[in-house]
């Protein structure tokens, strides 16, 4: 049986439709394990540090003792998690003991 070009392209499209989401999911799963670097441009602009005690109090006088990513309403991790996602950094993880100038009391 001979397959027409149209049938062949139809099969390719069906297979592609199934493979593409799987690739995207695996890419996102890998990206979710990536930790935000303090040298990341967004992190730098927000004054993000992995240890809240190192927050630049001169640059960010809004910092108050006891604030940390783990107690921020933007933190998406579970209570007690060492790392979790933050709505500001997409799929990258922030340290629960970290801090940035977008800290919002939860």
C-alpha atoms as a PDB file:
ATOM      1  CA  UNK A   1       0.000   0.000   0.000  1.00  0.00           C
ATOM      2  CA  UNK A   2       1.382   3.346  -1.034  1.00  0.00           C
ATOM      3  CA  UNK A   3       1.140   6.289   1.396  1.00  0.00           C
ATOM      4  CA  UNK A   4       0.383   9.678  -0.041  1.00  0.00           C
ATOM      5  CA  UNK A   5       2.312  12.753   1.002  1.00  0.00           C
ATOM      6  CA  UNK A   6      -0.845  14.093   2.673  1.00  0.00           C
ATOM      7  CA  UNK A   7      -1.291  10.888   4.717  1.00  0.00           C
ATOM      8  CA  UNK A   8       2.369  10.907   5.696  1.00  0.00           C
ATOM      9  CA  UNK A   9       2.203  14.525   6.882  1.00  0.00           C
ATOM     10  CA  UNK A  10      -0.977  13.720   8.790  1.00  0.00           C
ATOM     11  CA  UNK A  11       0.838  10.917  10.647  1.00  0.00           C
ATOM     12  CA  UNK A  12       3.791  13.211  11.379  1.00  0.00           C
ATOM     13  CA  UNK A  13       1.434  15.841  12.805  1.00  0.00           C
ATOM     14  CA  UNK A  14      -0.288  13.287  15.072  1.00  0.00           C
ATOM     15  CA  UNK A  15       3.023  11.976  16.383  1.00  0.00           C
ATOM     16  CA  UNK A  16       4.370  15.514  16.845  1.00  0.00           C
ATOM     17  CA  UNK A  17       1.290  16.511  18.806  1.00  0.00           C
ATOM     18  CA  UNK A  18       2.005  13.716  21.284  1.00  0.00           C
ATOM     19  CA  UNK A  19       5.763  14.219  21.544  1.00  0.00           C
ATOM     20  CA  UNK A  20       5.860  18.014  21.910  1.00  0.00           C
ATOM     21  CA  UNK A  21       3.959  18.182  25.226  1.00  0.00           C
ATOM     22  CA  UNK A  22       6.109  15.394  26.659  1.00  0.00           C
ATOM     23  CA  UNK A  23       9.261  17.308  25.752  1.00  0.00           C
ATOM     24  CA  UNK A  24       7.906  20.515  27.250  1.00  0.00           C
ATOM     25  CA  UNK A  25       6.947  18.741  30.469  1.00  0.00           C
ATOM     26  CA  UNK A  26      10.379  17.158  30.822  1.00  0.00           C
ATOM     27  CA  UNK A  27      12.044  20.526  30.130  1.00  0.00           C
ATOM     28  CA  UNK A  28       9.918  22.201  32.811  1.00  0.00           C
ATOM     29  CA  UNK A  29      10.607  19.387  35.250  1.00  0.00           C
ATOM     30  CA  UNK A  30      14.340  19.883  34.782  1.00  0.00           C
ATOM     31  CA  UNK A  31      14.069  23.662  35.045  1.00  0.00           C
ATOM     32  CA  UNK A  32      12.134  23.305  38.298  1.00  0.00           C
ATOM     33  CA  UNK A  33      15.277  21.943  39.967  1.00  0.00           C
ATOM     34  CA  UNK A  34      17.306  25.010  39.030  1.00  0.00           C
ATOM     35  CA  UNK A  35      18.083  27.342  41.913  1.00  0.00           C
ATOM     36  CA  UNK A  36      18.050  31.106  41.524  1.00  0.00           C
ATOM     37  CA  UNK A  37      21.560  32.479  41.526  1.00  0.00           C
ATOM     38  CA  UNK A  38      22.240  35.652  43.472  1.00  0.00           C
ATOM     39  CA  UNK A  39      23.925  36.916  40.292  1.00  0.00           C
ATOM     40  CA  UNK A  40      20.732  36.451  38.233  1.00  0.00           C
ATOM     41  CA  UNK A  41      19.695  39.901  36.901  1.00  0.00           C
ATOM     42  CA  UNK A  42      16.224  39.704  38.457  1.00  0.00           C
ATOM     43  CA  UNK A  43      17.655  38.455  41.742  1.00  0.00           C
ATOM     44  CA  UNK A  44      20.201  41.281  41.791  1.00  0.00           C
ATOM     45  CA  UNK A  45      17.573  43.923  41.122  1.00  0.00           C
ATOM     46  CA  UNK A  46      15.456  42.585  43.997  1.00  0.00           C
ATOM     47  CA  UNK A  47      18.411  42.186  46.362  1.00  0.00           C
ATOM     48  CA  UNK A  48      17.818  38.413  46.624  1.00  0.00           C
ATOM     49  CA  UNK A  49      20.191  36.560  48.935  1.00  0.00           C
ATOM     50  CA  UNK A  50      20.087  32.898  49.937  1.00  0.00           C
ATOM     51  CA  UNK A  51      20.595  33.874  53.591  1.00  0.00           C
ATOM     52  CA  UNK A  52      18.284  36.633  54.857  1.00  0.00           C
ATOM     53  CA  UNK A  53      20.887  37.683  57.426  1.00  0.00           C
ATOM     54  CA  UNK A  54      23.009  38.909  54.501  1.00  0.00           C
ATOM     55  CA  UNK A  55      20.284  41.241  53.156  1.00  0.00           C
ATOM     56  CA  UNK A  56      21.712  44.645  52.245  1.00  0.00           C
ATOM     57  CA  UNK A  57      20.050  46.713  54.947  1.00  0.00           C
ATOM     58  CA  UNK A  58      21.543  49.962  53.632  1.00  0.00           C
ATOM     59  CA  UNK A  59      20.110  49.404  50.146  1.00  0.00           C
ATOM     60  CA  UNK A  60      16.861  47.840  51.400  1.00  0.00           C
ATOM     61  CA  UNK A  61      15.861  49.469  54.707  1.00  0.00           C
ATOM     62  CA  UNK A  62      12.501  47.693  54.424  1.00  0.00           C
ATOM     63  CA  UNK A  63      14.187  44.470  55.584  1.00  0.00           C
ATOM     64  CA  UNK A  64      13.164  43.425  59.083  1.00  0.00           C
ATOM     65  CA  UNK A  65      14.647  40.635  61.174  1.00  0.00           C
ATOM     66  CA  UNK A  66      12.641  37.443  60.880  1.00  0.00           C
ATOM     67  CA  UNK A  67      11.650  37.985  57.252  1.00  0.00           C
ATOM     68  CA  UNK A  68      12.590  35.178  54.869  1.00  0.00           C
ATOM     69  CA  UNK A  69      11.365  33.618  51.651  1.00  0.00           C
ATOM     70  CA  UNK A  70       9.844  30.750  53.643  1.00  0.00           C
ATOM     71  CA  UNK A  71       7.468  33.155  55.413  1.00  0.00           C
ATOM     72  CA  UNK A  72       6.696  35.253  52.326  1.00  0.00           C
ATOM     73  CA  UNK A  73       3.296  34.939  50.646  1.00  0.00           C
ATOM     74  CA  UNK A  74       5.032  34.639  47.253  1.00  0.00           C
ATOM     75  CA  UNK A  75       6.889  31.458  48.340  1.00  0.00           C
ATOM     76  CA  UNK A  76       5.310  28.355  46.775  1.00  0.00           C
ATOM     77  CA  UNK A  77       7.144  25.694  48.759  1.00  0.00           C
ATOM     78  CA  UNK A  78       5.774  23.778  51.704  1.00  0.00           C
ATOM     79  CA  UNK A  79       6.496  24.807  55.253  1.00  0.00           C
ATOM     80  CA  UNK A  80       9.842  23.327  56.229  1.00  0.00           C
ATOM     81  CA  UNK A  81      11.128  22.973  52.634  1.00  0.00           C
ATOM     82  CA  UNK A  82      14.711  24.201  52.228  1.00  0.00           C
ATOM     83  CA  UNK A  83      13.930  25.383  48.675  1.00  0.00           C
ATOM     84  CA  UNK A  84      10.731  26.284  46.894  1.00  0.00           C
ATOM     85  CA  UNK A  85       9.464  28.144  43.888  1.00  0.00           C
ATOM     86  CA  UNK A  86       8.581  31.816  43.973  1.00  0.00           C
ATOM     87  CA  UNK A  87       6.130  33.553  41.677  1.00  0.00           C
ATOM     88  CA  UNK A  88       8.809  36.152  40.889  1.00  0.00           C
ATOM     89  CA  UNK A  89      11.303  33.631  39.510  1.00  0.00           C
ATOM     90  CA  UNK A  90       9.141  31.292  37.430  1.00  0.00           C
ATOM     91  CA  UNK A  91      10.315  27.705  37.731  1.00  0.00           C
ATOM     92  CA  UNK A  92      13.542  28.513  39.562  1.00  0.00           C
ATOM     93  CA  UNK A  93      13.821  27.724  43.247  1.00  0.00           C
ATOM     94  CA  UNK A  94      14.628  30.153  46.064  1.00  0.00           C
ATOM     95  CA  UNK A  95      16.058  29.317  49.475  1.00  0.00           C
ATOM     96  CA  UNK A  96      13.413  29.341  52.188  1.00  0.00           C
ATOM     97  CA  UNK A  97      15.958  31.139  54.380  1.00  0.00           C
ATOM     98  CA  UNK A  98      16.560  33.731  51.665  1.00  0.00           C
ATOM     99  CA  UNK A  99      15.142  37.219  51.254  1.00  0.00           C
ATOM    100  CA  UNK A 100      14.386  39.800  48.563  1.00  0.00           C
ATOM    101  CA  UNK A 101      12.901  43.284  48.519  1.00  0.00           C
ATOM    102  CA  UNK A 102       9.538  41.939  47.330  1.00  0.00           C
ATOM    103  CA  UNK A 103       8.983  40.197  50.657  1.00  0.00           C
ATOM    104  CA  UNK A 104       5.266  40.164  51.414  1.00  0.00           C
ATOM    105  CA  UNK A 105       3.984  39.155  54.814  1.00  0.00           C
ATOM    106  CA  UNK A 106       1.894  36.025  54.473  1.00  0.00           C
END
